[in-house]
Amino acid sequence: MLILLPPSEGKTPAVRGDAVHWPSLSFPELNTHRAEVLEALGTVSAHEDALSLLGVGASLKDDVDRNTRLHREPAAPAHQVYSGVLYDALGYQSLTPAQRKKAHDSVLVISALWGAIRFDDRVPAYRLSMGTALPDVGRLASFWKPRITEALASLTVAELFVDCRSSTYAAAWAPPAGQTVAVNVFTEVAGVRKVVSHFAKHTRGEVARHLLTRRGNAPGTPAQLLKAAAEKWSCELIEGTARKAHALNIILPG
């Protein structure tokens, strides 16, 4: 089982420590492409219109300034750098040592800057969304898709992918549809369902935590994932097709 997560938009910078050590990152075959994106990001972030070009507000100026010096910024494990609703719900710090090891083995973060990394990869805090287009790189989801597909090809054999990403990050890589279950979250009131956003992030984080902390074997099929999720939520499985992933719909009370 592999749990696919998006990064958080907000990140917690490391206070001290060494800069990112490129050879130690997972999927080192992506390093050339990571360097290409980092260079383009640094150039854009130094521009006088950087905030507009990156689509962020004035309150994030310090984050954008940090983008210009990422090669020397302190790095920390991804599970520490990424913060926000989903990661708070996952609660890495309260996992046991065995559960943390499972997280290191089972969680993949699809990133606009790094392509794909594991939870224990050490990276600096940065500001960049997968929906951004960078000069000489283009739209990042389009840039990363063939490169991630090639780098992660060996992972697509006999794995179940639990996809907790938003659509923006799902566009950057699509694992085999038959082996993938997208986690969707709805509220239901008087039989009427509504898609939720804030609670979707929180619930997806809870799903990831449940899969990392529950006893027994990790689910290996969509049906087994449904059974595991039903231990905690009201849910249903929508069968996929040859080209469309399965969907695990979690229904929260309104």
Foldseek 3Di string as FASTA:
>chain_A
DAEEEAFAQAWDFDPDAFAADLVVWPLSVCVVVLVVLLVLLLVLLPDPCNCVQQVHDPVCNVQSPCSNPNRGGHWFFSLRTGDDQLSVLLPLVPDDPQLNVVQQVHYWYQYLRRRITGRGRIGGHHHHFQQHQTPPQGRSLVNQAVVSCVSCVVVLPQAAYEYLYDPSRCSNYDRFQQRYEYEFEWEADPRDTDGDDSVSSNVSSNLNNQQSPPDDDRDRHPVSSLVSCVVPFDWDWAPDDRHHHIYIYGYHYD
